[in-house]
């Protein structure tokens, strides 16, 4: 079963083809990684899939429905959530409050009841707080719930952002460089979290430069270079592809994470 289908996707910026004719699919519970050198078009691809950019060409299908060019909030309602390269955390709010912000799209209730602090509003707030607390437990941040977000380590902030994305109860989660800037221990924590998310049945589409992490957790890898898809397959297959080796300046990363000149 295919959850996300990308067909012939492309976009141009000032006459430059940033992404051109990219195809791939993601199934429920599968971890698919998009890799490539800097400037390969990975984040641009993510931005088209998540509704930030309108594709010039191609089609995006989510659970059999054409969602090409659909706004991010409407995609979120249909089960697509994402994180960004740069942290989108409210540093002066508590960890719990940050997690709660991700739950609001799922809330149902009248604005008037919120303004008047009616019982229905208080009940809804209690449910949101409980849901956010569960998410913090899931990502290993329950003990820091009342701490200001700015007090967290960088790796913990990355996990908090994933918690907020999970608050939307996605069917597919797009992670844009979740381990960037993290140390080895923090990267391992994120590795385990991504695997746990996929094990729960949520599809994961990942952009990441840490090849050890990519080769270790991915079911499938798509390789971009200068906006074009140059290879696709299992970690073992991709790591031995001559086009991938050339794109990475003659360095091959094996499925065990070792670099070979």
C-alpha atoms as a PDB file:
ATOM      1  CA  UNK A   1       0.000   0.000   0.000  1.00  0.00           C
ATOM      2  CA  UNK A   2       1.300   3.438  -0.960  1.00  0.00           C
ATOM      3  CA  UNK A   3       0.529   6.394   1.296  1.00  0.00           C
ATOM      4  CA  UNK A   4       2.499   9.161  -0.447  1.00  0.00           C
ATOM      5  CA  UNK A   5       3.176   9.124  -4.196  1.00  0.00           C
ATOM      6  CA  UNK A   6       5.380  11.719  -5.894  1.00  0.00           C
ATOM      7  CA  UNK A   7       5.272  11.741  -9.703  1.00  0.00           C
ATOM      8  CA  UNK A   8       7.415  13.865 -12.037  1.00  0.00           C
ATOM      9  CA  UNK A   9       7.745  16.643  -9.464  1.00  0.00           C
ATOM     10  CA  UNK A  10       9.641  19.758 -10.502  1.00  0.00           C
ATOM     11  CA  UNK A  11      10.098  23.459  -9.804  1.00  0.00           C
ATOM     12  CA  UNK A  12      12.167  26.291 -11.300  1.00  0.00           C
ATOM     13  CA  UNK A  13      13.697  29.358  -9.693  1.00  0.00           C
ATOM     14  CA  UNK A  14      14.723  32.149 -12.080  1.00  0.00           C
ATOM     15  CA  UNK A  15      15.092  29.770 -14.988  1.00  0.00           C
ATOM     16  CA  UNK A  16      17.078  27.248 -12.931  1.00  0.00           C
ATOM     17  CA  UNK A  17      15.539  23.817 -12.532  1.00  0.00           C
ATOM     18  CA  UNK A  18      15.896  23.327  -8.787  1.00  0.00           C
ATOM     19  CA  UNK A  19      14.055  19.991  -8.830  1.00  0.00           C
ATOM     20  CA  UNK A  20      13.188  18.089 -11.984  1.00  0.00           C
ATOM     21  CA  UNK A  21      11.115  14.972 -12.692  1.00  0.00           C
ATOM     22  CA  UNK A  22      11.413  13.327  -9.264  1.00  0.00           C
ATOM     23  CA  UNK A  23       9.395  10.171  -8.546  1.00  0.00           C
ATOM     24  CA  UNK A  24       9.140   7.976  -5.450  1.00  0.00           C
ATOM     25  CA  UNK A  25       6.612   6.456  -3.050  1.00  0.00           C
ATOM     26  CA  UNK A  26       6.314   5.986   0.704  1.00  0.00           C
ATOM     27  CA  UNK A  27       4.283   3.260   2.429  1.00  0.00           C
ATOM     28  CA  UNK A  28       2.812   3.313   5.954  1.00  0.00           C
ATOM     29  CA  UNK A  29       5.428   2.506   8.600  1.00  0.00           C
ATOM     30  CA  UNK A  30       8.271   2.924   6.113  1.00  0.00           C
ATOM     31  CA  UNK A  31      11.314   5.171   6.570  1.00  0.00           C
ATOM     32  CA  UNK A  32      12.357   6.741   3.273  1.00  0.00           C
ATOM     33  CA  UNK A  33      15.407   9.023   3.260  1.00  0.00           C
ATOM     34  CA  UNK A  34      16.196  11.679   0.663  1.00  0.00           C
ATOM     35  CA  UNK A  35      19.939  12.317   0.468  1.00  0.00           C
ATOM     36  CA  UNK A  36      22.330  14.249  -1.749  1.00  0.00           C
ATOM     37  CA  UNK A  37      25.100  16.868  -1.693  1.00  0.00           C
ATOM     38  CA  UNK A  38      24.392  20.431  -0.596  1.00  0.00           C
ATOM     39  CA  UNK A  39      22.207  22.166  -3.158  1.00  0.00           C
ATOM     40  CA  UNK A  40      20.787  18.900  -4.478  1.00  0.00           C
ATOM     41  CA  UNK A  41      17.198  20.092  -3.992  1.00  0.00           C
ATOM     42  CA  UNK A  42      16.249  18.074  -0.919  1.00  0.00           C
ATOM     43  CA  UNK A  43      14.605  20.823   1.118  1.00  0.00           C
ATOM     44  CA  UNK A  44      12.990  22.275  -2.016  1.00  0.00           C
ATOM     45  CA  UNK A  45      11.436  18.867  -2.612  1.00  0.00           C
ATOM     46  CA  UNK A  46      10.177  18.823   0.981  1.00  0.00           C
ATOM     47  CA  UNK A  47       8.727  22.295   0.562  1.00  0.00           C
ATOM     48  CA  UNK A  48       6.709  21.189  -2.461  1.00  0.00           C
ATOM     49  CA  UNK A  49       5.420  18.056  -0.749  1.00  0.00           C
ATOM     50  CA  UNK A  50       4.424  19.984   2.382  1.00  0.00           C
ATOM     51  CA  UNK A  51       2.678  22.801   0.499  1.00  0.00           C
ATOM     52  CA  UNK A  52       5.228  25.560   1.106  1.00  0.00           C
ATOM     53  CA  UNK A  53       6.074  25.744  -2.626  1.00  0.00           C
ATOM     54  CA  UNK A  54       3.721  25.211  -5.549  1.00  0.00           C
ATOM     55  CA  UNK A  55       5.256  22.680  -7.970  1.00  0.00           C
ATOM     56  CA  UNK A  56       5.680  23.788 -11.573  1.00  0.00           C
ATOM     57  CA  UNK A  57       5.327  20.199 -12.764  1.00  0.00           C
ATOM     58  CA  UNK A  58       4.231  16.846 -11.469  1.00  0.00           C
ATOM     59  CA  UNK A  59       1.747  15.428  -9.018  1.00  0.00           C
ATOM     60  CA  UNK A  60       1.626  14.630  -5.290  1.00  0.00           C
ATOM     61  CA  UNK A  61      -0.869  12.032  -4.090  1.00  0.00           C
ATOM     62  CA  UNK A  62      -1.657  11.416  -0.410  1.00  0.00           C
ATOM     63  CA  UNK A  63      -3.661   8.291   0.346  1.00  0.00           C
ATOM     64  CA  UNK A  64      -4.911   8.218  -3.238  1.00  0.00           C
ATOM     65  CA  UNK A  65      -5.969  11.861  -3.332  1.00  0.00           C
ATOM     66  CA  UNK A  66      -4.288  14.539  -5.426  1.00  0.00           C
ATOM     67  CA  UNK A  67      -2.932  17.136  -2.970  1.00  0.00           C
ATOM     68  CA  UNK A  68      -0.587  18.986  -5.344  1.00  0.00           C
ATOM     69  CA  UNK A  69      -0.306  22.601  -4.239  1.00  0.00           C
ATOM     70  CA  UNK A  70      -2.571  22.113  -1.235  1.00  0.00           C
ATOM     71  CA  UNK A  71      -1.910  24.537   1.660  1.00  0.00           C
ATOM     72  CA  UNK A  72       0.123  23.246   4.643  1.00  0.00           C
ATOM     73  CA  UNK A  73      -2.801  23.497   7.078  1.00  0.00           C
ATOM     74  CA  UNK A  74      -5.036  21.449   4.798  1.00  0.00           C
ATOM     75  CA  UNK A  75      -2.288  18.855   4.355  1.00  0.00           C
ATOM     76  CA  UNK A  76      -1.938  18.686   8.132  1.00  0.00           C
ATOM     77  CA  UNK A  77      -5.674  17.978   8.409  1.00  0.00           C
ATOM     78  CA  UNK A  78      -5.146  15.099   5.971  1.00  0.00           C
ATOM     79  CA  UNK A  79      -2.300  13.589   7.957  1.00  0.00           C
ATOM     80  CA  UNK A  80       0.926  15.205   6.745  1.00  0.00           C
ATOM     81  CA  UNK A  81       3.158  16.932   9.282  1.00  0.00           C
ATOM     82  CA  UNK A  82       6.761  18.177   9.116  1.00  0.00           C
ATOM     83  CA  UNK A  83       9.697  19.728  10.926  1.00  0.00           C
ATOM     84  CA  UNK A  84      12.158  22.253   9.506  1.00  0.00           C
ATOM     85  CA  UNK A  85      15.946  22.587   9.296  1.00  0.00           C
ATOM     86  CA  UNK A  86      15.834  25.605  11.590  1.00  0.00           C
ATOM     87  CA  UNK A  87      14.125  25.088  14.916  1.00  0.00           C
ATOM     88  CA  UNK A  88      10.614  26.556  15.134  1.00  0.00           C
ATOM     89  CA  UNK A  89      10.440  26.481  18.940  1.00  0.00           C
ATOM     90  CA  UNK A  90       8.959  29.140  21.219  1.00  0.00           C
ATOM     91  CA  UNK A  91      12.010  29.555  23.425  1.00  0.00           C
ATOM     92  CA  UNK A  92      10.302  31.582  26.199  1.00  0.00           C
ATOM     93  CA  UNK A  93       7.399  29.166  26.575  1.00  0.00           C
ATOM     94  CA  UNK A  94       7.537  25.989  28.625  1.00  0.00           C
ATOM     95  CA  UNK A  95       8.285  22.636  27.047  1.00  0.00           C
ATOM     96  CA  UNK A  96       4.701  21.560  27.738  1.00  0.00           C
ATOM     97  CA  UNK A  97       3.249  24.731  26.199  1.00  0.00           C
ATOM     98  CA  UNK A  98       5.312  24.153  23.060  1.00  0.00           C
ATOM     99  CA  UNK A  99       3.925  20.648  22.755  1.00  0.00           C
ATOM    100  CA  UNK A 100       0.397  21.946  23.334  1.00  0.00           C
ATOM    101  CA  UNK A 101       0.660  24.336  20.386  1.00  0.00           C
ATOM    102  CA  UNK A 102       0.848  21.329  18.104  1.00  0.00           C
ATOM    103  CA  UNK A 103      -2.417  19.963  19.469  1.00  0.00           C
ATOM    104  CA  UNK A 104      -4.594  22.952  18.642  1.00  0.00           C
ATOM    105  CA  UNK A 105      -5.355  21.918  15.048  1.00  0.00           C
ATOM    106  CA  UNK A 106      -7.092  18.835  16.444  1.00  0.00           C
ATOM    107  CA  UNK A 107      -9.152  20.848  18.906  1.00  0.00           C
ATOM    108  CA  UNK A 108     -12.836  21.407  18.202  1.00  0.00           C
ATOM    109  CA  UNK A 109     -14.782  24.160  19.917  1.00  0.00           C
ATOM    110  CA  UNK A 110     -16.226  27.634  19.638  1.00  0.00           C
ATOM    111  CA  UNK A 111     -14.048  30.694  20.002  1.00  0.00           C
ATOM    112  CA  UNK A 112     -16.718  32.250  22.217  1.00  0.00           C
ATOM    113  CA  UNK A 113     -16.463  29.445  24.769  1.00  0.00           C
ATOM    114  CA  UNK A 114     -12.708  30.037  24.955  1.00  0.00           C
ATOM    115  CA  UNK A 115     -13.147  33.767  25.434  1.00  0.00           C
ATOM    116  CA  UNK A 116     -15.706  33.226  28.205  1.00  0.00           C
ATOM    117  CA  UNK A 117     -13.734  30.352  29.798  1.00  0.00           C
ATOM    118  CA  UNK A 118     -16.792  28.125  29.712  1.00  0.00           C
ATOM    119  CA  UNK A 119     -16.608  24.575  31.137  1.00  0.00           C
ATOM    120  CA  UNK A 120     -16.341  23.134  27.621  1.00  0.00           C
ATOM    121  CA  UNK A 121     -13.282  25.281  27.004  1.00  0.00           C
ATOM    122  CA  UNK A 122     -11.648  24.168  30.256  1.00  0.00           C
ATOM    123  CA  UNK A 123     -12.344  20.529  29.465  1.00  0.00           C
ATOM    124  CA  UNK A 124     -10.833  20.937  26.015  1.00  0.00           C
ATOM    125  CA  UNK A 125      -7.750  22.576  27.524  1.00  0.00           C
ATOM    126  CA  UNK A 126      -7.334  19.693  29.969  1.00  0.00           C
ATOM    127  CA  UNK A 127      -7.496  17.176  27.129  1.00  0.00           C
ATOM    128  CA  UNK A 128      -4.898  19.140  25.166  1.00  0.00           C
ATOM    129  CA  UNK A 129      -2.572  19.281  28.164  1.00  0.00           C
ATOM    130  CA  UNK A 130      -2.920  15.542  28.737  1.00  0.00           C
ATOM    131  CA  UNK A 131      -2.201  14.812  25.079  1.00  0.00           C
ATOM    132  CA  UNK A 132       0.875  17.074  25.127  1.00  0.00           C
ATOM    133  CA  UNK A 133       2.135  15.357  28.278  1.00  0.00           C
ATOM    134  CA  UNK A 134       1.827  11.966  26.568  1.00  0.00           C
ATOM    135  CA  UNK A 135       3.860  13.238  23.631  1.00  0.00           C
ATOM    136  CA  UNK A 136       6.609  14.555  25.918  1.00  0.00           C
ATOM    137  CA  UNK A 137       6.751  11.150  27.564  1.00  0.00           C
ATOM    138  CA  UNK A 138       7.067   9.560  24.144  1.00  0.00           C
ATOM    139  CA  UNK A 139      10.052  11.715  23.154  1.00  0.00           C
ATOM    140  CA  UNK A 140      11.758  11.498  26.556  1.00  0.00           C
ATOM    141  CA  UNK A 141      11.027  15.044  27.755  1.00  0.00           C
ATOM    142  CA  UNK A 142       8.361  14.457  30.416  1.00  0.00           C
ATOM    143  CA  UNK A 143      10.649  15.544  33.267  1.00  0.00           C
ATOM    144  CA  UNK A 144      11.332  18.848  31.526  1.00  0.00           C
ATOM    145  CA  UNK A 145       7.653  19.677  30.909  1.00  0.00           C
ATOM    146  CA  UNK A 146       7.581  22.776  33.107  1.00  0.00           C
ATOM    147  CA  UNK A 147      11.040  24.024  32.119  1.00  0.00           C
ATOM    148  CA  UNK A 148      11.449  26.919  29.733  1.00  0.00           C
ATOM    149  CA  UNK A 149      12.274  25.585  26.269  1.00  0.00           C
ATOM    150  CA  UNK A 150      15.435  27.712  26.117  1.00  0.00           C
ATOM    151  CA  UNK A 151      16.925  25.597  28.909  1.00  0.00           C
ATOM    152  CA  UNK A 152      16.952  22.430  26.790  1.00  0.00           C
ATOM    153  CA  UNK A 153      19.957  21.066  24.928  1.00  0.00           C
ATOM    154  CA  UNK A 154      19.916  21.310  21.145  1.00  0.00           C
ATOM    155  CA  UNK A 155      19.125  17.608  20.763  1.00  0.00           C
ATOM    156  CA  UNK A 156      16.240  17.892  23.219  1.00  0.00           C
ATOM    157  CA  UNK A 157      14.853  20.841  21.262  1.00  0.00           C
ATOM    158  CA  UNK A 158      14.924  18.684  18.134  1.00  0.00           C
ATOM    159  CA  UNK A 159      12.911  16.017  19.952  1.00  0.00           C
ATOM    160  CA  UNK A 160      10.483  18.676  21.189  1.00  0.00           C
ATOM    161  CA  UNK A 161       9.897  19.792  17.611  1.00  0.00           C
ATOM    162  CA  UNK A 162       9.184  16.185  16.631  1.00  0.00           C
ATOM    163  CA  UNK A 163       6.732  15.926  19.546  1.00  0.00           C
ATOM    164  CA  UNK A 164       4.898  18.993  18.307  1.00  0.00           C
ATOM    165  CA  UNK A 165       4.713  17.534  14.788  1.00  0.00           C
ATOM    166  CA  UNK A 166       3.370  14.274  16.210  1.00  0.00           C
ATOM    167  CA  UNK A 167       0.654  16.229  18.037  1.00  0.00           C
ATOM    168  CA  UNK A 168      -1.076  16.578  14.673  1.00  0.00           C
ATOM    169  CA  UNK A 169      -1.477  12.778  14.661  1.00  0.00           C
ATOM    170  CA  UNK A 170       0.117  12.460  11.225  1.00  0.00           C
ATOM    171  CA  UNK A 171       0.005   9.474   8.939  1.00  0.00           C
ATOM    172  CA  UNK A 172       3.243  10.674   7.360  1.00  0.00           C
ATOM    173  CA  UNK A 173       5.940  12.731   9.102  1.00  0.00           C
ATOM    174  CA  UNK A 174       8.488  14.763   7.123  1.00  0.00           C
ATOM    175  CA  UNK A 175      11.723  15.365   9.056  1.00  0.00           C
ATOM    176  CA  UNK A 176      14.142  17.914   7.609  1.00  0.00           C
ATOM    177  CA  UNK A 177      17.621  17.205   9.065  1.00  0.00           C
ATOM    178  CA  UNK A 178      16.443  16.142  12.546  1.00  0.00           C
ATOM    179  CA  UNK A 179      19.985  15.239  13.663  1.00  0.00           C
ATOM    180  CA  UNK A 180      21.753  18.328  12.285  1.00  0.00           C
ATOM    181  CA  UNK A 181      23.937  19.924  14.963  1.00  0.00           C
ATOM    182  CA  UNK A 182      23.454  17.038  17.396  1.00  0.00           C
ATOM    183  CA  UNK A 183      26.220  15.130  19.120  1.00  0.00           C
ATOM    184  CA  UNK A 184      26.519  11.335  18.939  1.00  0.00           C
ATOM    185  CA  UNK A 185      24.312  10.688  21.980  1.00  0.00           C
ATOM    186  CA  UNK A 186      21.622  13.109  20.813  1.00  0.00           C
ATOM    187  CA  UNK A 187      21.701  11.574  17.333  1.00  0.00           C
ATOM    188  CA  UNK A 188      21.204   8.109  18.814  1.00  0.00           C
ATOM    189  CA  UNK A 189      18.170   9.363  20.763  1.00  0.00           C
ATOM    190  CA  UNK A 190      16.657  10.759  17.568  1.00  0.00           C
ATOM    191  CA  UNK A 191      17.513   7.537  15.726  1.00  0.00           C
ATOM    192  CA  UNK A 192      15.517   5.522  18.282  1.00  0.00           C
ATOM    193  CA  UNK A 193      12.643   8.004  18.206  1.00  0.00           C
ATOM    194  CA  UNK A 194      12.324   7.874  14.402  1.00  0.00           C
ATOM    195  CA  UNK A 195      12.354   4.066  14.484  1.00  0.00           C
ATOM    196  CA  UNK A 196       9.659   4.079  17.184  1.00  0.00           C
ATOM    197  CA  UNK A 197       7.485   6.461  15.168  1.00  0.00           C
ATOM    198  CA  UNK A 198       7.739   4.231  12.082  1.00  0.00           C
ATOM    199  CA  UNK A 199       7.055   1.122  14.156  1.00  0.00           C
ATOM    200  CA  UNK A 200       3.774   2.711  15.251  1.00  0.00           C
ATOM    201  CA  UNK A 201       2.687   2.748  11.585  1.00  0.00           C
ATOM    202  CA  UNK A 202       3.495   6.372  10.734  1.00  0.00           C
ATOM    203  CA  UNK A 203       5.398   6.790   7.470  1.00  0.00           C
ATOM    204  CA  UNK A 204       8.598   8.844   7.784  1.00  0.00           C
ATOM    205  CA  UNK A 205      10.172  10.864   4.963  1.00  0.00           C
ATOM    206  CA  UNK A 206      13.606  12.008   6.069  1.00  0.00           C
ATOM    207  CA  UNK A 207      16.208  14.468   4.799  1.00  0.00           C
ATOM    208  CA  UNK A 208      19.483  13.996   6.643  1.00  0.00           C
ATOM    209  CA  UNK A 209      23.229  14.463   6.102  1.00  0.00           C
ATOM    210  CA  UNK A 210      24.299  11.982   8.797  1.00  0.00           C
ATOM    211  CA  UNK A 211      24.908   8.961   6.590  1.00  0.00           C
ATOM    212  CA  UNK A 212      25.411   6.600   9.518  1.00  0.00           C
ATOM    213  CA  UNK A 213      21.904   7.385  10.722  1.00  0.00           C
ATOM    214  CA  UNK A 214      20.444   7.202   7.202  1.00  0.00           C
ATOM    215  CA  UNK A 215      22.023   3.850   6.386  1.00  0.00           C
ATOM    216  CA  UNK A 216      21.068   2.418   9.747  1.00  0.00           C
ATOM    217  CA  UNK A 217      17.354   3.245   9.866  1.00  0.00           C
ATOM    218  CA  UNK A 218      16.167   3.658   6.267  1.00  0.00           C
ATOM    219  CA  UNK A 219      14.074   1.084   4.442  1.00  0.00           C
ATOM    220  CA  UNK A 220      14.521   2.963   1.186  1.00  0.00           C
ATOM    221  CA  UNK A 221      16.739   5.815  -0.036  1.00  0.00           C
ATOM    222  CA  UNK A 222      16.237   8.368  -2.807  1.00  0.00           C
ATOM    223  CA  UNK A 223      19.372  10.197  -3.984  1.00  0.00           C
ATOM    224  CA  UNK A 224      19.227  13.649  -5.552  1.00  0.00           C
ATOM    225  CA  UNK A 225      21.993  15.548  -7.323  1.00  0.00           C
ATOM    226  CA  UNK A 226      21.446  18.981  -8.905  1.00  0.00           C
ATOM    227  CA  UNK A 227      17.710  18.526  -8.640  1.00  0.00           C
ATOM    228  CA  UNK A 228      17.612  15.167 -10.411  1.00  0.00           C
ATOM    229  CA  UNK A 229      17.009  11.727  -8.951  1.00  0.00           C
ATOM    230  CA  UNK A 230      20.158   9.742  -9.710  1.00  0.00           C
ATOM    231  CA  UNK A 231      19.545   6.598  -7.658  1.00  0.00           C
ATOM    232  CA  UNK A 232      16.948   4.845  -5.548  1.00  0.00           C
ATOM    233  CA  UNK A 233      16.822   1.627  -3.548  1.00  0.00           C
ATOM    234  CA  UNK A 234      17.873  -0.076  -0.342  1.00  0.00           C
ATOM    235  CA  UNK A 235      20.809   1.312   1.688  1.00  0.00           C
ATOM    236  CA  UNK A 236      23.042  -1.482   0.423  1.00  0.00           C
ATOM    237  CA  UNK A 237      22.094  -0.869  -3.210  1.00  0.00           C
ATOM    238  CA  UNK A 238      22.400   2.913  -3.065  1.00  0.00           C
ATOM    239  CA  UNK A 239      25.763   2.869  -1.263  1.00  0.00           C
ATOM    240  CA  UNK A 240      27.307   0.911  -4.141  1.00  0.00           C
ATOM    241  CA  UNK A 241      25.801   2.913  -7.003  1.00  0.00           C
ATOM    242  CA  UNK A 242      28.571   4.578  -9.092  1.00  0.00           C
ATOM    243  CA  UNK A 243      26.445   7.694  -9.625  1.00  0.00           C
ATOM    244  CA  UNK A 244      26.030   8.122  -5.862  1.00  0.00           C
ATOM    245  CA  UNK A 245      29.749   7.652  -5.291  1.00  0.00           C
ATOM    246  CA  UNK A 246      30.512  10.297  -7.914  1.00  0.00           C
ATOM    247  CA  UNK A 247      27.956  12.725  -6.458  1.00  0.00           C
ATOM    248  CA  UNK A 248      29.592  12.414  -3.062  1.00  0.00           C
ATOM    249  CA  UNK A 249      33.014  13.280  -4.494  1.00  0.00           C
ATOM    250  CA  UNK A 250      34.288   9.742  -4.644  1.00  0.00           C
ATOM    251  CA  UNK A 251      33.286   8.773  -1.106  1.00  0.00           C
ATOM    252  CA  UNK A 252      31.032   5.756  -0.679  1.00  0.00           C
ATOM    253  CA  UNK A 253      29.117   5.243   2.558  1.00  0.00           C
ATOM    254  CA  UNK A 254      28.267   1.616   3.204  1.00  0.00           C
ATOM    255  CA  UNK A 255      25.235   0.308   5.028  1.00  0.00           C
ATOM    256  CA  UNK A 256      27.383  -0.033   8.157  1.00  0.00           C
ATOM    257  CA  UNK A 257      28.194   3.653   8.094  1.00  0.00           C
ATOM    258  CA  UNK A 258      31.890   3.378   7.186  1.00  0.00           C
ATOM    259  CA  UNK A 259      33.329   5.726   4.576  1.00  0.00           C
ATOM    260  CA  UNK A 260      35.319   4.173   1.764  1.00  0.00           C
ATOM    261  CA  UNK A 261      37.535   6.274  -0.441  1.00  0.00           C
END
